[in-house]
Protein backbone atom coordinates (compact mmCIF):
# COMPACT_ATOMS: atom_id res chain seq x y z
CA MET A 1 -0.05 0.09 0.04
CA THR A 2 2.92 2.45 1.10
CA THR A 3 4.52 1.51 -2.52
CA PHE A 4 1.27 2.44 -4.55
CA ARG A 5 1.00 5.75 -2.52
CA ARG A 6 4.41 6.70 -3.03
CA THR A 7 4.13 5.55 -6.95
CA SER A 8 0.99 7.98 -7.39
CA SER A 9 2.55 10.84 -5.65
CA LEU A 10 5.62 10.42 -8.04
CA LYS A 11 3.42 10.57 -10.88
CA ARG A 12 1.23 13.36 -10.05
CA THR A 13 4.78 15.19 -9.18
CA GLN A 14 5.91 14.57 -12.69
CA GLN A 15 2.35 15.75 -14.13
CA ARG A 16 2.60 18.94 -12.54
CA MET A 17 6.36 19.47 -13.54
CA ALA A 18 5.35 18.66 -16.97
CA VAL A 19 2.62 21.15 -16.82
CA LEU A 20 4.97 23.22 -15.51
CA PHE A 21 7.33 23.11 -18.26
CA ILE A 22 4.65 23.47 -21.00
CA LEU A 23 2.67 26.35 -19.54
CA PRO A 24 5.61 28.94 -20.88
CA ALA A 25 5.17 27.66 -24.64
CA LEU A 26 1.55 27.55 -24.38
CA ALA A 27 1.57 31.25 -23.23
CA VAL A 28 3.50 32.30 -25.95
CA TYR A 29 1.87 30.29 -28.59
CA ALA A 30 -1.61 31.99 -27.05
CA LEU A 31 0.04 35.86 -26.91
CA PHE A 32 1.28 35.56 -30.91
CA VAL A 33 -1.00 32.60 -32.58
CA LEU A 34 -4.20 32.19 -31.08
CA TYR A 35 -4.88 36.04 -29.67
CA PRO A 36 -4.22 37.40 -33.34
CA LEU A 37 -6.08 34.57 -34.94
CA ALA A 38 -8.84 35.38 -32.62
CA MET A 39 -8.66 39.05 -33.27
CA SER A 40 -8.50 38.89 -37.05
CA LEU A 41 -11.85 36.78 -37.22
CA TRP A 42 -13.62 39.26 -34.62
CA GLY A 43 -12.32 42.31 -36.95
CA SER A 44 -13.22 40.62 -39.78
CA VAL A 45 -17.04 41.23 -39.27
CA PHE A 46 -16.77 44.87 -38.76
CA VAL A 47 -16.38 48.41 -40.38
CA TRP A 48 -12.97 49.79 -39.57
CA LYS A 49 -12.12 53.58 -39.34
CA GLY A 50 -8.66 53.94 -39.30
CA LEU A 51 -7.45 51.55 -36.53
CA ARG A 52 -10.68 51.38 -34.78
CA MET A 53 -13.80 49.27 -35.14
CA VAL A 54 -16.89 51.39 -35.38
CA GLU A 55 -19.85 49.39 -36.62
CA PHE A 56 -20.84 45.71 -36.75
CA ALA A 57 -20.61 44.72 -40.48
CA GLY A 58 -21.66 41.12 -40.42
CA VAL A 59 -20.80 39.35 -43.38
CA SER A 60 -20.74 42.56 -45.89
CA ASN A 61 -16.78 42.35 -45.83
CA PHE A 62 -16.93 39.11 -47.35
CA SER A 63 -19.58 39.71 -49.56
CA ARG A 64 -17.48 42.75 -51.03
CA LEU A 65 -14.43 40.65 -51.11
CA PHE A 66 -15.78 38.47 -53.96
CA VAL A 67 -17.48 40.99 -55.90
CA PHE A 68 -15.94 43.92 -58.41
CA PRO A 69 -13.30 45.37 -57.92
CA SER A 70 -12.22 43.15 -55.01
CA GLY A 71 -13.49 40.17 -56.66
CA ALA A 72 -11.31 40.65 -59.63
CA ARG A 73 -8.10 41.06 -57.34
CA LEU A 74 -9.17 38.05 -55.39
CA TYR A 75 -9.68 35.49 -58.09
CA GLY A 76 -6.64 36.58 -59.95
CA ALA A 77 -4.54 36.07 -56.86
CA LEU A 78 -6.14 32.94 -56.11
CA TRP A 79 -5.23 31.50 -59.65
CA HIS A 80 -1.78 32.60 -59.18
CA ASN A 81 -1.49 30.88 -55.73
CA THR A 82 -2.71 27.77 -57.31
CA ALA A 83 -0.40 27.93 -60.19
CA TRP A 84 2.61 28.59 -58.08
CA PHE A 85 1.59 25.33 -55.75
CA LEU A 86 1.63 23.25 -59.13
CA GLY A 87 4.68 24.40 -60.34
CA ILE A 88 6.59 23.79 -57.23
CA MET A 89 5.13 20.26 -57.02
CA VAL A 90 6.55 19.69 -60.82
CA PHE A 91 9.56 21.66 -60.50
CA GLN A 92 10.96 21.42 -57.11
CA ASN A 93 8.93 18.23 -55.54
CA GLY A 94 8.92 16.23 -58.95
CA ILE A 95 12.57 17.23 -60.10
CA GLY A 96 13.74 16.59 -56.36
CA LEU A 97 12.74 13.07 -56.36
CA LEU A 98 14.62 12.70 -59.71
CA PHE A 99 17.69 14.14 -58.22
CA ALA A 100 17.10 12.10 -54.90
CA TRP A 101 16.67 8.84 -56.59
CA LEU A 102 20.11 9.40 -58.67
CA LEU A 103 22.18 10.15 -55.58
CA PHE A 104 20.46 6.83 -54.19
CA LEU A 105 21.55 5.11 -56.85
CA ARG A 106 25.03 6.66 -57.01
CA ASP A 107 25.77 6.51 -53.08
CA LYS A 108 29.46 7.80 -53.72
CA GLY A 109 29.78 11.67 -53.57
CA ALA A 110 25.89 11.72 -52.32
CA ALA A 111 26.52 13.89 -49.19
CA PHE A 112 28.42 16.65 -51.24
CA PHE A 113 25.69 16.89 -53.96
CA GLN A 114 22.97 17.00 -51.04
CA SER A 115 25.20 19.83 -49.67
CA VAL A 116 25.31 21.45 -53.02
CA PHE A 117 21.43 21.28 -53.56
CA PHE A 118 20.57 22.40 -49.71
CA PHE A 119 22.80 25.31 -49.96
CA PRO A 120 20.47 27.76 -51.69
CA ALA A 121 17.81 26.74 -48.69
CA VAL A 122 20.11 28.53 -46.00
CA LEU A 123 19.49 31.84 -47.81
CA SER A 124 16.71 34.04 -47.12
CA PRO A 125 14.05 34.18 -49.75
CA VAL A 126 14.54 38.32 -49.74
CA ILE A 127 18.37 37.62 -50.60
CA VAL A 128 17.35 35.05 -53.17
CA GLY A 129 14.80 37.30 -54.65
CA ALA A 130 17.39 40.42 -54.76
CA LEU A 131 19.69 38.39 -56.26
CA TRP A 132 17.86 36.95 -59.12
CA ARG A 133 16.01 40.22 -59.62
CA LEU A 134 19.67 41.62 -60.76
CA LEU A 135 20.69 38.66 -62.62
CA LEU A 136 17.27 38.47 -64.68
CA ALA A 137 17.27 42.43 -65.08
CA PRO A 138 17.96 43.73 -68.87
CA GLY A 139 21.95 43.88 -68.91
CA GLY A 140 22.16 41.46 -66.40
CA VAL A 141 24.29 38.38 -66.26
CA VAL A 142 21.76 36.08 -67.68
CA GLU A 143 20.90 38.13 -70.57
CA TRP A 144 24.87 38.44 -71.36
CA ALA A 145 25.03 34.76 -71.07
CA LEU A 146 22.23 33.96 -73.18
CA ASN A 147 23.37 36.34 -75.76
CA GLY A 148 27.04 34.94 -75.77
CA LEU A 149 25.63 31.65 -76.41
CA GLY A 150 23.23 32.79 -79.31
CA LEU A 151 20.03 31.58 -77.51
CA HIS A 152 18.65 35.01 -77.16
CA GLN A 153 19.24 38.36 -78.66
CA GLY A 154 18.47 41.67 -77.38
CA SER A 155 17.21 43.10 -74.14
CA LEU A 156 15.91 40.28 -71.64
CA THR A 157 12.66 41.19 -70.20
CA VAL A 158 10.97 37.94 -68.53
CA LEU A 159 10.07 40.00 -65.34
CA GLY A 160 8.69 42.87 -67.16
CA ASN A 161 6.42 40.30 -69.41
CA SER A 162 3.07 39.49 -67.77
CA HIS A 163 3.05 36.21 -69.87
CA THR A 164 6.40 35.01 -68.32
CA ALA A 165 6.82 36.98 -65.02
CA LEU A 166 4.96 34.35 -62.63
CA ALA A 167 6.96 31.15 -64.38
CA MET A 168 10.21 32.81 -63.36
CA LEU A 169 9.18 33.53 -59.94
CA ILE A 170 7.96 30.11 -59.51
CA ALA A 171 11.48 28.84 -60.68
CA VAL A 172 13.10 30.97 -58.60
CA ASP A 173 11.06 29.78 -55.40
CA ALA A 174 11.85 26.08 -56.55
CA TRP A 175 15.47 26.61 -56.93
CA ASN A 176 15.57 28.34 -53.51
CA TRP A 177 14.04 25.08 -51.70
CA MET A 178 15.14 22.34 -54.24
CA GLY A 179 17.60 20.97 -51.43
CA LEU A 180 14.61 20.13 -48.73
CA PRO A 181 12.96 17.74 -51.12
CA VAL A 182 16.09 16.11 -52.27
CA LEU A 183 17.06 15.66 -48.21
CA ILE A 184 13.93 14.23 -47.50
CA TYR A 185 13.59 11.91 -50.35
CA THR A 186 17.00 10.56 -49.88
CA ALA A 187 16.42 10.09 -46.43
CA GLY A 188 13.24 8.10 -46.82
CA LEU A 189 15.00 5.81 -49.51
CA ARG A 190 17.63 4.76 -47.15
CA GLN A 191 14.82 3.75 -44.83
CA ILE A 192 13.48 1.05 -47.65
CA SER A 193 15.60 -2.21 -47.03
CA GLY A 194 17.90 -2.90 -49.92
CA GLN A 195 16.47 -6.39 -50.06
CA ILE A 196 13.33 -5.01 -51.54
CA PHE A 197 15.09 -3.39 -54.48
CA GLU A 198 17.59 -6.53 -54.78
CA ALA A 199 14.34 -8.53 -55.17
CA ALA A 200 13.05 -6.17 -57.76
CA LYS A 201 16.29 -6.49 -60.00
CA LEU A 202 15.99 -10.24 -59.82
CA ASP A 203 12.69 -9.88 -61.51
CA GLY A 204 14.03 -7.70 -64.14
CA ALA A 205 12.92 -4.48 -63.01
CA GLY A 206 14.40 -1.44 -64.08
CA ASN A 207 15.47 1.90 -62.43
CA ALA A 208 12.37 3.76 -63.66
CA ARG A 209 10.20 0.84 -62.61
CA MET A 210 11.78 0.43 -59.08
CA LEU A 211 11.35 4.13 -58.75
CA PHE A 212 7.65 4.46 -59.75
CA SER A 213 6.23 1.08 -58.51
CA ILE A 214 8.38 0.53 -55.32
CA ALA A 215 10.00 3.44 -53.96
CA LEU A 216 7.27 6.09 -54.65
CA PRO A 217 4.46 4.33 -52.85
CA LEU A 218 7.04 4.04 -49.94
CA LEU A 219 7.64 7.48 -49.80
CA MET A 220 4.07 8.57 -49.39
CA PRO A 221 4.83 9.95 -45.76
CA ALA A 222 7.90 12.10 -47.40
CA LEU A 223 5.42 13.15 -50.40
CA GLY A 224 2.67 14.17 -48.18
CA THR A 225 4.88 16.01 -45.78
CA LEU A 226 6.33 17.82 -48.90
CA THR A 227 2.97 18.42 -50.22
CA THR A 228 1.62 19.88 -47.03
CA LEU A 229 4.72 22.28 -46.69
CA SER A 230 4.57 23.25 -50.08
CA PHE A 231 0.79 24.06 -49.93
CA ILE A 232 1.30 26.37 -47.07
CA ASN A 233 4.37 28.04 -48.17
CA THR A 234 2.79 29.00 -51.64
CA PHE A 235 -0.33 30.13 -50.40
CA ASN A 236 1.63 32.24 -47.69
CA GLN A 237 4.02 33.86 -50.65
CA PHE A 238 4.85 37.50 -50.25
CA ASP A 239 8.83 37.79 -49.84
CA ILE A 240 9.90 37.02 -53.55
CA VAL A 241 7.17 38.79 -54.88
CA TYR A 242 7.33 41.78 -52.76
CA VAL A 243 11.42 41.83 -53.41
CA MET A 244 11.24 40.94 -57.16
CA GLN A 245 7.89 42.37 -58.67
CA GLY A 246 6.73 44.81 -55.71
CA VAL A 247 3.86 44.83 -53.76
CA GLN A 248 1.40 45.57 -56.82
CA GLY A 249 2.60 42.25 -58.18
CA ASN A 250 3.96 43.91 -61.51
CA PRO A 251 3.52 43.69 -64.32
CA SER A 252 -0.36 44.65 -64.18
CA TYR A 253 -0.99 42.07 -61.09
CA SER A 254 0.26 39.20 -63.19
CA THR A 255 2.26 38.09 -60.12
CA ASP A 256 0.04 39.21 -57.43
CA THR A 257 -0.68 36.71 -54.79
CA LEU A 258 -3.40 36.58 -52.03
CA VAL A 259 -0.66 37.77 -49.46
CA THR A 260 0.41 40.61 -51.65
CA TYR A 261 -3.11 41.80 -52.08
CA PHE A 262 -3.75 41.49 -47.97
CA TYR A 263 -1.03 43.89 -47.59
CA ARG A 264 -2.34 46.58 -50.04
CA LEU A 265 -5.72 46.39 -48.27
CA ALA A 266 -4.25 46.16 -44.91
CA PHE A 267 -1.34 48.97 -45.19
CA GLY A 268 -3.17 51.47 -48.13
CA ALA A 269 -1.47 50.28 -51.09
CA GLU A 270 -4.37 49.27 -53.26
CA GLY A 271 -5.84 51.45 -55.80
CA ALA A 272 -4.47 54.92 -57.36
CA VAL A 273 -5.08 56.54 -53.99
CA GLY A 274 -3.83 54.01 -51.75
CA ILE A 275 -7.00 53.23 -49.72
CA THR A 276 -6.69 51.32 -46.36
CA ASP A 277 -9.57 48.81 -45.84
CA ILE A 278 -8.88 46.98 -42.96
CA GLY A 279 -12.14 44.96 -42.58
CA LEU A 280 -11.83 43.58 -46.12
CA ALA A 281 -8.03 42.80 -45.44
CA LEU A 282 -9.23 40.79 -42.48
CA ALA A 283 -11.79 39.30 -44.29
CA LEU A 284 -9.38 38.18 -46.71
CA GLY A 285 -6.96 36.66 -43.75
CA THR A 286 -9.81 34.58 -42.61
CA LEU A 287 -10.37 33.33 -46.12
CA LEU A 288 -6.88 32.44 -46.38
CA PHE A 289 -6.83 30.85 -42.75
CA LEU A 290 -9.74 28.42 -44.08
CA ILE A 291 -8.05 27.66 -47.46
CA LEU A 292 -5.06 26.60 -45.57
CA SER A 293 -6.79 24.92 -42.89
CA ILE A 294 -9.38 22.74 -45.11
CA GLY A 295 -6.36 21.86 -47.54
CA THR A 296 -3.81 20.84 -45.17
CA LEU A 297 -6.39 18.51 -43.28
CA MET A 298 -7.38 17.09 -46.74
CA MET A 299 -3.95 16.48 -47.95
CA LEU A 300 -3.26 14.85 -44.41
CA ARG A 301 -5.96 12.53 -45.03
CA PHE A 302 -5.15 11.79 -48.29
CA PHE A 303 -1.78 10.57 -47.76
CA ASP A 304 -2.45 8.79 -44.69
CA ARG A 305 -4.83 6.61 -46.54
CA ARG A 306 -2.12 6.08 -49.26
CA THR A 307 0.53 5.21 -46.55
CA VAL A 308 2.13 1.64 -47.32
CA GLN A 309 2.83 -0.30 -44.07
CA LEU A 310 5.76 -3.32 -44.72
């Protein structure tokens, strides 16, 4: 009986200590995440005058968000975010898988090449954006190299062309974070038993067949993680657009995203006269929160169902 009481007392002490250690982290999380989120949701149903809530608006801010002129900006930005996500899935996560597979097949020097691929990821997106803006500018290094190789003549205007600007920003973002999928996929491939690949080789499977029929299904947890992170990152995209194309998403809003549109509404950079509309901005922020929450939950559920257990 005495031993039981001592064990129960020890467990209660450990539980109190656990709560004591968790409380500071919870307080910080509540102050910097939960409180701003709650205030954003609350403020989205009010009319704002300057920095003050003056009148309850109900859902009028949300209804204004979907009609002209706000609707045109919203749908354009939403399409750009969606295209950005699809581009990242192909050019970052897709090509990253191929690079990881090649490094897995050729183990010699793999650590060196992983470091090379991962190096851009240690750079801030602001630095990356500023660097590539200089490289891609008319008269820049890229123009000089293409002219020298005979692949292009004249001034290079990919960032000033509404048909190519978004694609170039997606390519820059993919270059910035290419090392992350290479690292995660390579780690996942090394967790797969070599006996599985040896058996596949004995059955006559080539490298391509082993990649798509064996490795890819077993990499579903890694693919799910990268897809979810890419979704969250692309729909929060701001840094590269702001540095390379400005807060207006130039040229002619062709690189505008939901977060750059939010910035213009919240800080008075929307329209010719620079109108601030905090109520509309908070409604947009709430919509973005719902998109990210629902999208993330759907992706986690989708990939969880397709995880292969050995």
